[in-house]
N, C-alpha and C. Protein backbone atom coordinates (compact mmCIF):
# COMPACT_ATOMS: atom_id res chain seq x y z
N MET A 1 -183.51 84.75 -66.00
CA MET A 1 -182.55 84.01 -65.83
C MET A 1 -182.93 84.32 -64.62
N LYS A 2 -183.04 82.79 -63.24
CA LYS A 2 -183.43 82.47 -62.01
C LYS A 2 -181.93 82.52 -61.61
N LEU A 3 -181.80 83.71 -60.53
CA LEU A 3 -180.64 83.16 -59.36
C LEU A 3 -180.34 82.38 -58.00
N THR A 4 -178.97 82.25 -58.15
CA THR A 4 -179.41 80.93 -57.62
C THR A 4 -177.98 81.16 -56.71
N VAL A 5 -177.78 80.46 -55.24
CA VAL A 5 -176.57 80.72 -54.27
C VAL A 5 -175.17 79.80 -55.89
N ILE A 6 -174.10 80.76 -55.26
CA ILE A 6 -173.55 79.16 -55.72
C ILE A 6 -172.61 78.93 -54.35
N ARG A 7 -171.99 77.21 -55.08
CA ARG A 7 -172.00 76.49 -53.89
C ARG A 7 -170.30 77.12 -53.72
N PRO A 8 -170.10 76.42 -52.87
CA PRO A 8 -168.69 76.38 -52.43
C PRO A 8 -167.41 76.21 -53.36
N LYS A 9 -168.26 74.59 -54.27
CA LYS A 9 -167.37 73.90 -55.32
C LYS A 9 -167.42 74.75 -56.49
N GLU A 10 -168.27 75.58 -56.35
CA GLU A 10 -168.19 76.49 -58.10
C GLU A 10 -166.97 77.94 -57.26
N VAL A 11 -167.17 78.42 -55.89
CA VAL A 11 -166.27 79.06 -55.88
C VAL A 11 -165.04 78.76 -56.36
N ALA A 12 -164.76 77.41 -56.15
CA ALA A 12 -163.42 77.42 -56.02
C ALA A 12 -163.11 77.46 -57.69
N ILE A 13 -163.88 76.38 -58.62
CA ILE A 13 -163.67 76.60 -60.10
C ILE A 13 -163.38 78.35 -60.58
N CYS A 14 -163.88 79.13 -59.72
CA CYS A 14 -163.77 80.04 -60.56
C CYS A 14 -162.96 80.78 -60.27
N SER A 15 -162.40 80.17 -58.72
CA SER A 15 -161.34 81.30 -58.49
C SER A 15 -160.07 81.13 -59.56
N ALA A 16 -159.99 79.31 -58.96
CA ALA A 16 -158.64 78.80 -60.45
C ALA A 16 -158.88 79.21 -61.57
N ILE A 17 -159.22 79.48 -61.72
CA ILE A 17 -159.50 80.47 -63.63
C ILE A 17 -159.30 81.17 -63.91
N GLY A 18 -159.40 82.26 -62.77
CA GLY A 18 -158.95 83.41 -62.65
C GLY A 18 -157.55 83.74 -62.07
N ALA A 19 -157.20 82.67 -61.27
CA ALA A 19 -155.80 83.14 -60.69
C ALA A 19 -154.83 82.09 -61.57
N ALA A 20 -155.39 81.22 -62.49
CA ALA A 20 -154.17 80.85 -63.71
C ALA A 20 -154.79 81.64 -64.92
N GLY A 21 -155.54 82.49 -65.08
CA GLY A 21 -155.74 83.55 -65.82
C GLY A 21 -154.85 85.15 -65.57
N ALA A 22 -154.53 84.93 -64.19
CA ALA A 22 -153.41 86.06 -63.76
C ALA A 22 -151.92 85.36 -64.04
N LEU A 23 -151.84 84.25 -63.78
CA LEU A 23 -150.86 83.60 -64.30
C LEU A 23 -149.90 83.59 -65.29
N ILE A 24 -151.13 83.38 -66.77
CA ILE A 24 -150.54 83.48 -68.30
C ILE A 24 -150.50 84.91 -68.04
N PHE A 25 -151.19 86.07 -67.84
CA PHE A 25 -151.08 87.61 -67.95
C PHE A 25 -149.77 87.71 -67.46
N LEU A 26 -149.12 87.48 -66.04
CA LEU A 26 -148.09 88.43 -65.55
C LEU A 26 -146.97 87.36 -66.66
N PHE A 27 -146.64 86.06 -66.63
CA PHE A 27 -145.22 85.57 -66.96
C PHE A 27 -145.53 85.72 -68.88
N ALA A 28 -146.37 85.95 -69.71
CA ALA A 28 -146.85 86.21 -70.71
C ALA A 28 -146.43 87.97 -70.95
N PHE A 29 -147.12 88.24 -70.12
CA PHE A 29 -146.70 90.33 -70.58
C PHE A 29 -145.66 90.13 -69.49
N PRO A 30 -144.32 90.65 -69.38
CA PRO A 30 -144.13 91.24 -68.32
C PRO A 30 -143.53 92.59 -68.90
N LYS A 31 -143.25 93.62 -67.65
CA LYS A 31 -143.38 94.82 -68.07
C LYS A 31 -142.55 95.32 -69.44
N GLY A 32 -143.56 96.07 -69.87
CA GLY A 32 -143.18 97.11 -71.50
C GLY A 32 -143.50 96.30 -72.09
N ALA A 33 -144.21 94.81 -72.26
CA ALA A 33 -144.30 93.66 -73.39
C ALA A 33 -145.54 94.42 -74.07
N ILE A 34 -146.29 94.79 -73.34
CA ILE A 34 -147.93 95.08 -73.87
C ILE A 34 -147.45 97.01 -74.84
N SER A 35 -146.71 97.19 -74.28
CA SER A 35 -146.55 98.34 -74.59
C SER A 35 -146.19 98.48 -76.30
N THR A 36 -144.74 97.75 -76.02
CA THR A 36 -144.15 97.22 -77.06
C THR A 36 -144.86 96.90 -78.53
N LEU A 37 -145.41 95.33 -78.41
CA LEU A 37 -146.66 95.80 -78.79
C LEU A 37 -147.96 96.31 -79.95
N MET A 38 -148.15 96.68 -78.49
CA MET A 38 -149.35 97.62 -78.98
C MET A 38 -148.34 98.67 -80.07
N HIS A 39 -147.75 99.56 -79.17
CA HIS A 39 -147.12 100.52 -79.66
C HIS A 39 -146.13 101.02 -81.33
N ALA A 40 -145.13 99.94 -80.97
CA ALA A 40 -143.57 99.99 -81.67
C ALA A 40 -144.20 98.70 -82.54
N VAL A 41 -144.67 97.87 -82.09
CA VAL A 41 -145.37 96.80 -83.42
C VAL A 41 -146.15 96.89 -84.15
N LEU A 42 -147.23 97.26 -83.17
CA LEU A 42 -148.78 97.45 -83.88
C LEU A 42 -149.22 98.60 -84.48
N HIS A 43 -148.41 99.66 -84.06
CA HIS A 43 -148.17 101.62 -84.01
C HIS A 43 -150.05 101.72 -83.55
N LEU A 44 -150.39 100.84 -82.27
CA LEU A 44 -151.59 101.75 -82.57
C LEU A 44 -151.69 102.67 -81.53
N PRO A 45 -152.75 103.83 -81.01
CA PRO A 45 -153.02 105.13 -80.24
C PRO A 45 -153.04 104.55 -79.05
N GLY A 46 -152.93 105.03 -78.08
CA GLY A 46 -152.94 104.76 -76.93
C GLY A 46 -153.38 106.32 -75.89
N PRO A 47 -153.82 106.49 -74.49
CA PRO A 47 -153.47 104.86 -73.78
C PRO A 47 -154.66 104.27 -74.68
N GLY A 48 -154.29 102.75 -73.97
CA GLY A 48 -155.77 101.94 -73.97
C GLY A 48 -155.97 100.74 -74.52
N ALA A 49 -155.04 100.85 -76.05
CA ALA A 49 -155.13 99.16 -76.77
C ALA A 49 -154.65 97.71 -75.55
N GLY A 50 -153.27 98.55 -74.80
CA GLY A 50 -153.32 97.59 -74.24
C GLY A 50 -154.65 96.66 -73.51
N ILE A 51 -155.15 97.84 -72.88
CA ILE A 51 -156.66 97.16 -72.39
C ILE A 51 -157.19 96.60 -73.05
N ALA A 52 -157.45 96.69 -74.33
CA ALA A 52 -158.41 97.01 -74.88
C ALA A 52 -158.73 95.32 -75.31
N LEU A 53 -156.63 95.22 -76.47
CA LEU A 53 -156.99 93.87 -77.02
C LEU A 53 -156.19 92.82 -76.25
N ILE A 54 -156.11 93.22 -74.82
CA ILE A 54 -154.42 92.50 -73.98
C ILE A 54 -155.45 92.13 -72.65
N ILE A 55 -155.24 92.96 -71.71
CA ILE A 55 -155.21 92.75 -70.49
C ILE A 55 -157.41 92.25 -70.29
N GLY A 56 -157.45 93.78 -71.30
CA GLY A 56 -159.63 93.23 -70.74
C GLY A 56 -159.89 91.57 -71.29
N PRO A 57 -159.20 91.06 -72.82
CA PRO A 57 -159.57 90.23 -73.23
C PRO A 57 -159.18 88.78 -72.38
N ILE A 58 -158.04 89.00 -71.45
CA ILE A 58 -158.14 88.29 -70.76
C ILE A 58 -159.22 87.76 -69.71
N VAL A 59 -159.08 88.67 -68.75
CA VAL A 59 -159.84 88.90 -68.14
C VAL A 59 -161.74 88.34 -68.44
N ILE A 60 -162.41 88.77 -69.46
CA ILE A 60 -163.49 88.91 -70.15
C ILE A 60 -163.63 87.07 -70.22
N PHE A 61 -162.09 86.50 -70.71
CA PHE A 61 -162.37 85.12 -70.87
C PHE A 61 -162.60 84.20 -69.74
N VAL A 62 -161.52 85.18 -68.81
CA VAL A 62 -161.81 83.95 -67.00
C VAL A 62 -162.87 84.44 -66.83
N ALA A 63 -164.06 85.66 -66.83
CA ALA A 63 -164.59 85.76 -66.50
C ALA A 63 -166.55 84.63 -67.21
N LEU A 64 -166.27 85.18 -68.65
CA LEU A 64 -167.27 84.13 -68.76
C LEU A 64 -167.12 83.10 -68.90
N LEU A 65 -165.93 82.95 -69.16
CA LEU A 65 -166.11 81.04 -68.50
C LEU A 65 -165.93 80.56 -67.28
N ALA A 66 -165.70 81.08 -66.29
CA ALA A 66 -166.68 80.95 -65.21
C ALA A 66 -167.69 80.93 -65.14
N SER A 67 -168.07 81.85 -65.52
CA SER A 67 -169.72 82.11 -65.66
C SER A 67 -170.15 80.60 -65.99
N LEU A 68 -170.25 80.35 -67.47
CA LEU A 68 -170.71 79.83 -68.20
C LEU A 68 -170.74 78.14 -67.27
N LEU A 69 -169.03 77.88 -66.87
CA LEU A 69 -168.90 76.70 -65.86
C LEU A 69 -169.52 75.99 -64.87
N THR A 70 -170.36 77.70 -64.06
CA THR A 70 -171.22 77.36 -62.86
C THR A 70 -173.09 78.01 -63.16
N ARG A 71 -173.01 77.31 -62.55
CA ARG A 71 -174.85 77.04 -62.23
C ARG A 71 -175.26 78.30 -61.08
N GLY A 72 -174.28 78.81 -60.15
CA GLY A 72 -174.76 79.77 -60.19
C GLY A 72 -174.18 81.48 -60.02
N THR A 73 -174.69 82.22 -59.08
CA THR A 73 -174.66 83.61 -59.23
C THR A 73 -173.56 83.85 -58.70
N GLY A 74 -172.64 84.49 -59.15
CA GLY A 74 -171.63 85.52 -59.01
C GLY A 74 -170.22 84.42 -59.66
N GLY A 75 -169.97 84.32 -60.70
CA GLY A 75 -168.97 83.25 -61.00
C GLY A 75 -168.28 84.13 -62.10
N ALA A 76 -168.39 84.98 -62.88
CA ALA A 76 -167.92 85.92 -63.48
C ALA A 76 -166.93 86.99 -62.46
N LEU A 77 -167.56 87.26 -61.41
CA LEU A 77 -167.24 88.43 -60.78
C LEU A 77 -166.02 87.52 -60.07
N ILE A 78 -166.41 86.61 -59.21
CA ILE A 78 -165.68 85.56 -58.16
C ILE A 78 -164.29 85.74 -58.99
N ALA A 79 -164.25 85.03 -60.57
CA ALA A 79 -162.99 85.01 -61.26
C ALA A 79 -162.39 85.81 -61.49
N SER A 80 -162.82 87.46 -61.62
CA SER A 80 -162.66 88.23 -61.96
C SER A 80 -161.74 88.79 -60.86
N LEU A 81 -162.14 89.07 -59.46
CA LEU A 81 -161.91 89.37 -58.72
C LEU A 81 -160.30 88.24 -58.28
N THR A 82 -160.34 87.27 -58.08
CA THR A 82 -159.24 86.44 -58.17
C THR A 82 -158.43 86.67 -59.25
N PHE A 83 -158.16 87.10 -60.26
CA PHE A 83 -157.56 87.57 -61.54
C PHE A 83 -156.37 88.71 -61.26
N ALA A 84 -157.92 89.85 -60.90
CA ALA A 84 -157.12 91.46 -60.04
C ALA A 84 -156.48 90.91 -58.68
N VAL A 85 -156.55 90.18 -58.06
CA VAL A 85 -155.97 89.81 -56.63
C VAL A 85 -154.76 88.76 -57.37
N ALA A 86 -154.96 87.95 -57.54
CA ALA A 86 -153.21 86.74 -57.77
C ALA A 86 -152.53 87.58 -58.38
N SER A 87 -153.03 88.24 -59.37
CA SER A 87 -151.75 89.34 -60.10
C SER A 87 -150.87 90.32 -59.17
N ALA A 88 -151.62 90.70 -58.63
CA ALA A 88 -150.87 91.35 -57.28
C ALA A 88 -150.59 90.57 -56.52
N LEU A 89 -151.45 89.37 -55.91
CA LEU A 89 -150.29 88.82 -55.33
C LEU A 89 -148.84 88.40 -55.74
N VAL A 90 -149.13 87.59 -57.08
CA VAL A 90 -147.81 86.84 -57.84
C VAL A 90 -146.48 88.27 -58.08
N ALA A 91 -147.13 89.13 -58.77
CA ALA A 91 -145.92 89.80 -58.55
C ALA A 91 -145.18 90.06 -58.24
N ALA A 92 -145.87 90.62 -56.97
CA ALA A 92 -145.08 90.64 -55.55
C ALA A 92 -144.35 90.18 -55.36
N ILE A 93 -144.89 88.68 -54.53
CA ILE A 93 -143.96 87.69 -54.59
C ILE A 93 -142.68 86.76 -55.27
N PHE A 94 -142.95 87.52 -56.14
CA PHE A 94 -141.99 86.72 -57.60
C PHE A 94 -141.03 88.08 -57.95
N ALA A 95 -141.07 89.26 -57.80
CA ALA A 95 -140.72 90.47 -58.28
C ALA A 95 -140.94 90.65 -59.56
N ILE A 96 -142.50 90.41 -60.32
CA ILE A 96 -142.54 90.64 -61.59
C ILE A 96 -142.43 92.48 -61.84
N PRO A 97 -141.71 92.57 -62.63
CA PRO A 97 -142.13 94.01 -62.95
C PRO A 97 -143.43 94.28 -63.84
N THR A 98 -144.43 95.94 -64.06
CA THR A 98 -145.52 95.48 -64.58
C THR A 98 -145.34 97.70 -64.48
N ASN A 99 -146.32 97.32 -65.75
CA ASN A 99 -146.21 99.10 -66.31
C ASN A 99 -146.94 99.91 -65.03
N PRO A 100 -146.37 100.95 -64.55
CA PRO A 100 -147.27 101.59 -63.76
C PRO A 100 -148.00 102.06 -64.35
N LYS A 101 -148.58 102.13 -65.57
CA LYS A 101 -149.28 102.91 -66.95
C LYS A 101 -150.74 102.12 -66.31
N GLY A 102 -150.67 100.55 -66.00
CA GLY A 102 -152.01 100.21 -66.06
C GLY A 102 -152.13 99.53 -64.13
N ALA A 103 -151.74 101.00 -63.50
CA ALA A 103 -151.63 100.49 -61.90
C ALA A 103 -152.52 98.89 -61.32
N PHE A 104 -151.21 98.02 -61.98
CA PHE A 104 -151.80 96.64 -61.77
C PHE A 104 -151.37 96.49 -60.24
N GLY A 105 -151.99 95.66 -59.57
CA GLY A 105 -151.90 95.76 -58.30
C GLY A 105 -152.30 96.04 -57.01
N SER A 106 -152.77 97.20 -57.31
CA SER A 106 -153.82 98.65 -57.10
C SER A 106 -154.86 98.21 -56.85
N ALA A 107 -155.63 99.16 -55.83
CA ALA A 107 -157.73 99.02 -55.85
C ALA A 107 -157.54 99.62 -56.23
N ILE A 108 -157.32 100.38 -57.19
CA ILE A 108 -158.20 100.60 -58.57
C ILE A 108 -157.98 100.64 -59.06
N PHE A 109 -157.43 99.29 -59.51
CA PHE A 109 -156.79 97.83 -60.60
C PHE A 109 -158.28 97.07 -60.30
N ILE A 110 -158.53 96.63 -58.96
CA ILE A 110 -159.40 95.44 -58.72
C ILE A 110 -160.09 95.98 -58.72
N ALA A 111 -160.56 97.21 -58.64
CA ALA A 111 -162.16 97.82 -58.92
C ALA A 111 -162.26 97.73 -60.31
N ALA A 112 -161.33 98.44 -60.99
CA ALA A 112 -161.40 98.22 -62.79
C ALA A 112 -161.98 97.14 -63.65
N VAL A 113 -161.24 96.01 -62.55
CA VAL A 113 -161.10 94.77 -62.85
C VAL A 113 -163.09 93.92 -62.61
N ALA A 114 -163.39 94.09 -61.26
CA ALA A 114 -164.26 94.20 -60.64
C ALA A 114 -165.60 94.33 -61.13
N LEU A 115 -165.23 95.44 -61.85
CA LEU A 115 -166.62 96.11 -62.94
C LEU A 115 -166.71 95.69 -63.96
N ALA A 116 -165.74 94.96 -64.90
CA ALA A 116 -165.55 94.10 -65.73
C ALA A 116 -166.60 92.85 -65.27
N GLY A 117 -166.04 92.56 -64.02
CA GLY A 117 -166.09 90.66 -63.81
C GLY A 117 -167.99 91.30 -63.51
N ILE A 118 -168.34 92.57 -63.10
CA ILE A 118 -170.00 92.78 -62.78
C ILE A 118 -170.83 92.70 -63.38
N THR A 119 -169.82 93.82 -64.75
CA THR A 119 -170.59 94.00 -66.09
C THR A 119 -171.31 92.54 -66.85
N ALA A 120 -169.65 91.16 -66.64
CA ALA A 120 -170.20 90.78 -67.85
C ALA A 120 -171.51 89.31 -66.45
N GLU A 121 -171.27 89.44 -65.11
CA GLU A 121 -172.32 88.49 -64.55
C GLU A 121 -173.43 88.85 -65.43
N ALA A 122 -174.02 90.61 -65.09
CA ALA A 122 -175.35 91.30 -65.67
C ALA A 122 -175.88 90.67 -66.74
N VAL A 123 -174.70 90.53 -67.87
CA VAL A 123 -175.55 90.34 -69.30
C VAL A 123 -175.84 88.71 -69.24
N MET A 124 -175.21 87.99 -67.65
CA MET A 124 -175.02 86.50 -68.36
C MET A 124 -176.57 86.02 -67.76
N HIS A 125 -176.74 86.86 -66.75
CA HIS A 125 -178.18 86.24 -65.84
C HIS A 125 -178.93 87.09 -65.83
N LEU A 126 -178.66 88.35 -66.32
CA LEU A 126 -180.76 88.82 -66.92
C LEU A 126 -180.97 89.07 -68.12
N GLY A 127 -182.36 88.78 -67.75
CA GLY A 127 -182.89 87.94 -68.20
C GLY A 127 -183.67 86.61 -68.77
N LYS A 128 -184.45 85.53 -69.75
CA LYS A 128 -185.03 84.75 -68.85
C LYS A 128 -184.40 83.74 -70.22
N SER A 129 -183.89 84.17 -70.91
CA SER A 129 -182.97 82.87 -72.03
C SER A 129 -181.57 82.80 -71.28
N ALA A 130 -181.39 81.27 -71.50
CA ALA A 130 -180.32 80.83 -71.19
C ALA A 130 -179.04 80.93 -70.82
N LYS A 131 -178.00 80.75 -70.85
CA LYS A 131 -176.20 81.36 -70.83
C LYS A 131 -176.49 80.70 -71.72
N GLY A 132 -176.08 81.62 -73.36
CA GLY A 132 -175.87 80.72 -74.92
C GLY A 132 -175.33 81.67 -75.55
N ARG A 133 -174.29 81.27 -76.70
CA ARG A 133 -173.34 82.20 -76.80
C ARG A 133 -173.47 83.86 -77.57
N ARG A 134 -174.65 83.76 -77.68
CA ARG A 134 -175.79 85.06 -77.99
C ARG A 134 -175.07 86.35 -76.71
N ARG A 135 -175.27 85.53 -76.01
CA ARG A 135 -175.23 86.37 -74.29
C ARG A 135 -173.19 86.49 -74.36
N CYS A 136 -173.16 85.40 -74.10
CA CYS A 136 -171.32 85.49 -74.47
C CYS A 136 -170.67 87.05 -75.01
N LEU A 137 -170.92 86.49 -76.75
CA LEU A 137 -170.86 87.82 -77.48
C LEU A 137 -171.33 88.94 -76.85
N LEU A 138 -172.62 89.62 -76.06
CA LEU A 138 -172.48 90.71 -75.61
C LEU A 138 -172.36 90.85 -74.41
N ALA A 139 -171.78 90.03 -73.22
CA ALA A 139 -171.12 89.88 -72.39
C ALA A 139 -169.30 90.69 -72.26
N GLY A 140 -169.37 89.86 -73.72
CA GLY A 140 -167.32 90.11 -73.79
C GLY A 140 -167.62 91.16 -74.25
N ALA A 141 -168.45 91.63 -75.20
CA ALA A 141 -167.94 92.84 -76.30
C ALA A 141 -168.56 94.94 -74.75
N LEU A 142 -169.09 94.15 -74.14
CA LEU A 142 -169.64 95.70 -73.18
C LEU A 142 -168.91 95.76 -71.84
N ALA A 143 -168.82 94.19 -71.97
CA ALA A 143 -167.42 94.57 -70.05
C ALA A 143 -166.37 94.72 -70.87
N ASN A 144 -165.75 94.02 -71.98
CA ASN A 144 -164.44 94.90 -72.06
C ASN A 144 -164.43 96.09 -72.89
N THR A 145 -165.65 96.67 -73.39
CA THR A 145 -165.54 98.26 -73.59
C THR A 145 -165.53 98.75 -72.45
N VAL A 146 -166.46 98.52 -70.75
CA VAL A 146 -166.51 99.13 -70.13
C VAL A 146 -165.28 99.48 -69.11
N LEU A 147 -163.97 98.42 -69.43
CA LEU A 147 -163.04 98.60 -68.76
C LEU A 147 -161.98 99.63 -69.39
N LEU A 148 -162.61 99.67 -70.52
CA LEU A 148 -161.57 100.25 -71.68
C LEU A 148 -161.33 102.02 -70.80
N VAL A 149 -163.45 102.12 -71.03
CA VAL A 149 -164.11 103.88 -70.16
C VAL A 149 -163.17 103.40 -69.48
N PHE A 150 -163.41 102.47 -68.38
CA PHE A 150 -162.99 103.05 -66.46
C PHE A 150 -161.94 103.46 -66.73
N TYR A 151 -160.88 102.45 -67.88
CA TYR A 151 -159.34 102.91 -67.54
C TYR A 151 -159.68 104.80 -68.23
N TRP A 152 -159.94 104.64 -68.57
CA TRP A 152 -159.55 106.57 -69.54
C TRP A 152 -160.22 107.59 -68.90
N ILE A 153 -161.24 106.88 -67.94
CA ILE A 153 -161.80 108.49 -66.95
C ILE A 153 -161.40 108.07 -65.48
N ALA A 154 -160.51 107.28 -65.00
CA ALA A 154 -160.06 106.64 -63.42
C ALA A 154 -158.81 106.88 -63.28
N ILE A 155 -158.25 106.20 -64.33
CA ILE A 155 -156.86 105.50 -64.50
C ILE A 155 -155.74 106.18 -65.35
N PHE A 156 -156.21 106.52 -66.27
CA PHE A 156 -155.25 106.87 -67.25
C PHE A 156 -154.59 108.27 -67.21
N PRO A 157 -155.92 108.92 -66.89
CA PRO A 157 -155.01 110.53 -66.34
C PRO A 157 -154.20 110.69 -64.97
N ARG A 158 -154.50 109.52 -64.33
CA ARG A 158 -153.94 109.81 -62.78
C ARG A 158 -152.43 109.12 -63.38
N THR A 159 -152.05 107.92 -64.07
CA THR A 159 -151.10 107.11 -64.03
C THR A 159 -150.00 107.52 -65.55
N TYR A 160 -150.79 108.29 -66.45
CA TYR A 160 -150.29 108.41 -67.65
C TYR A 160 -150.54 109.63 -68.52
N LYS A 161 -151.51 109.49 -69.20
CA LYS A 161 -152.26 111.10 -70.03
C LYS A 161 -154.10 110.58 -70.49
N PRO A 162 -154.59 111.37 -70.31
CA PRO A 162 -155.89 110.91 -71.35
C PRO A 162 -155.60 111.02 -72.21
N VAL A 163 -156.94 109.92 -72.91
CA VAL A 163 -156.50 109.95 -73.99
C VAL A 163 -158.24 111.07 -75.07
N ALA A 164 -156.86 110.98 -76.31
CA ALA A 164 -157.26 112.12 -77.06
C ALA A 164 -158.72 111.28 -78.13
N TRP A 165 -159.13 112.27 -78.21
CA TRP A 165 -160.90 112.13 -78.06
C TRP A 165 -160.42 111.69 -80.03
N HIS A 166 -159.78 112.02 -80.94
CA HIS A 166 -159.97 111.48 -81.63
C HIS A 166 -159.31 110.26 -82.19
N ASP A 167 -158.60 109.55 -80.81
CA ASP A 167 -158.53 107.98 -80.43
C ASP A 167 -159.40 107.10 -80.23
N VAL A 168 -160.44 108.22 -79.37
CA VAL A 168 -161.75 107.15 -78.58
C VAL A 168 -162.38 105.86 -79.68
N PRO A 169 -162.53 106.46 -81.01
CA PRO A 169 -163.67 105.66 -82.46
C PRO A 169 -162.46 104.43 -82.00
N LEU A 170 -161.58 104.61 -82.82
CA LEU A 170 -160.98 103.22 -82.88
C LEU A 170 -160.39 102.38 -81.82
N LEU A 171 -159.95 102.76 -80.47
CA LEU A 171 -159.77 102.31 -79.78
C LEU A 171 -161.01 101.25 -78.69
N THR A 172 -162.50 102.16 -78.98
CA THR A 172 -163.66 101.28 -78.55
C THR A 172 -164.20 100.69 -79.31
N ALA A 173 -163.61 100.38 -80.83
CA ALA A 173 -164.38 99.37 -82.40
C ALA A 173 -163.18 98.47 -81.57
N LEU A 174 -161.97 98.50 -81.36
CA LEU A 174 -160.75 97.37 -80.93
C LEU A 174 -161.69 96.27 -79.86
N ALA A 175 -161.24 97.22 -78.45
CA ALA A 175 -162.37 96.45 -76.88
C ALA A 175 -163.74 95.92 -77.79
N LEU A 176 -165.00 96.56 -78.40
CA LEU A 176 -166.06 95.92 -78.77
C LEU A 176 -165.45 94.67 -79.61
N ALA A 177 -164.35 94.31 -80.26
CA ALA A 177 -164.21 93.74 -81.36
C ALA A 177 -163.80 92.38 -80.88
N ALA A 178 -162.91 92.90 -80.08
CA ALA A 178 -161.81 91.77 -78.71
C ALA A 178 -162.49 91.59 -77.84
N GLY A 179 -163.33 92.09 -77.28
CA GLY A 179 -164.60 91.67 -76.13
C GLY A 179 -165.94 90.43 -77.09
N LEU A 180 -166.32 90.89 -78.50
CA LEU A 180 -166.14 89.81 -79.04
C LEU A 180 -165.90 88.43 -79.56
N LEU A 181 -165.35 88.45 -79.78
CA LEU A 181 -164.26 87.49 -79.75
C LEU A 181 -163.62 86.51 -78.89
N PHE A 182 -163.42 87.16 -77.59
CA PHE A 182 -162.69 86.10 -76.53
C PHE A 182 -164.18 86.01 -75.66
N GLY A 183 -165.08 86.30 -76.10
CA GLY A 183 -166.39 86.31 -75.91
C GLY A 183 -166.99 84.63 -76.48
N TYR A 184 -166.70 84.56 -77.86
CA TYR A 184 -166.90 83.48 -78.62
C TYR A 184 -165.93 81.96 -77.84
N ILE A 185 -164.81 83.10 -77.64
CA ILE A 185 -163.43 81.51 -77.05
C ILE A 185 -164.40 80.89 -76.08
N ALA A 186 -164.47 82.14 -75.47
CA ALA A 186 -165.07 81.55 -73.99
C ALA A 186 -166.01 80.26 -74.40
N TRP A 187 -167.55 80.89 -74.62
CA TRP A 187 -168.06 79.86 -75.20
C TRP A 187 -168.15 78.44 -75.74
N VAL A 188 -166.68 78.71 -76.75
CA VAL A 188 -165.99 77.73 -77.65
C VAL A 188 -165.56 76.45 -77.01
N VAL A 189 -164.57 77.08 -75.45
CA VAL A 189 -164.12 76.34 -74.31
C VAL A 189 -165.08 75.59 -73.96
N TYR A 190 -165.85 76.13 -73.14
CA TYR A 190 -167.15 75.68 -72.09
C TYR A 190 -168.02 74.84 -73.29
N GLY A 191 -167.43 75.12 -74.16
CA GLY A 191 -168.55 73.29 -75.57
C GLY A 191 -167.03 72.78 -75.17
N PHE A 192 -166.31 72.94 -75.68
CA PHE A 192 -165.19 71.38 -74.98
C PHE A 192 -165.79 70.82 -73.88
N LEU A 193 -164.93 71.58 -73.18
CA LEU A 193 -165.22 71.38 -71.87
C LEU A 193 -166.43 69.83 -71.24
N SER A 194 -167.12 71.17 -72.24
CA SER A 194 -168.76 70.61 -71.43
C SER A 194 -169.27 68.75 -72.02
N ARG A 195 -168.42 68.29 -73.25
CA ARG A 195 -168.44 67.34 -73.94
C ARG A 195 -167.34 66.37 -73.22
N THR A 196 -165.90 66.95 -72.92
CA THR A 196 -165.27 66.05 -72.92
C THR A 196 -165.38 65.94 -71.21
N PHE A 197 -165.74 66.43 -70.26
CA PHE A 197 -166.37 65.74 -69.13
C PHE A 197 -167.69 64.97 -69.00
N ALA A 198 -168.40 65.57 -69.96
CA ALA A 198 -170.06 64.88 -70.55
C ALA A 198 -169.21 62.98 -70.41
N LEU A 199 -168.69 63.24 -71.94
CA LEU A 199 -167.60 61.94 -71.79
C LEU A 199 -167.31 60.96 -70.65
N LYS A 200 -166.53 61.66 -70.19
CA LYS A 200 -165.99 60.94 -69.09
C LYS A 200 -166.76 60.20 -68.22
N GLU A 201 -167.88 60.92 -67.70
CA GLU A 201 -169.47 60.66 -66.61
C GLU A 201 -169.75 59.10 -67.39
N LYS A 202 -170.18 59.75 -68.85
CA LYS A 202 -170.88 58.50 -69.32
C LYS A 202 -169.90 57.18 -69.30
N ARG A 203 -168.50 57.04 -69.62
CA ARG A 203 -167.65 56.22 -69.71
C ARG A 203 -167.79 56.24 -68.02
């Protein structure tokens, strides 16, 4: 696929999507909510279940939706970076408590989310085929897994504990499945928005 320069209007759209994702994440999952849901309710192993099933999928959704809604290159990365930075700013401004295990708002958290965005961006643009459903599924699964692995390598050993090897297959499978699901959801939402705005333009 030919790479094109992203327009200012598209940058604004991607940033708005990323900021909206950050607000939903922070207010829907305050401190301790993710850990409680993952481990006390669902009894999943960790660390990493919350990344695979909640944080990662939200990042994947905003990144892929931004990429689909823009023609230029960089939409997924812009939305991801905005998500990370907005999360830090909103949490600081409104004094929203976050779990220190996730390193939310730190430079390494921003780097982790940016890496997921770059992965999604690469999958959506590399090759000759257009941005389609299969690309969304692949980008979602790969980007979510990359984010999880980055957390295992660079974040959790510092903020909590290393992941146990026997938990890796299950958590990786969950990351792949959640990435596929939210890649598909991003594609469906994009289709709905495209039909809605196309109909308005005709009117």
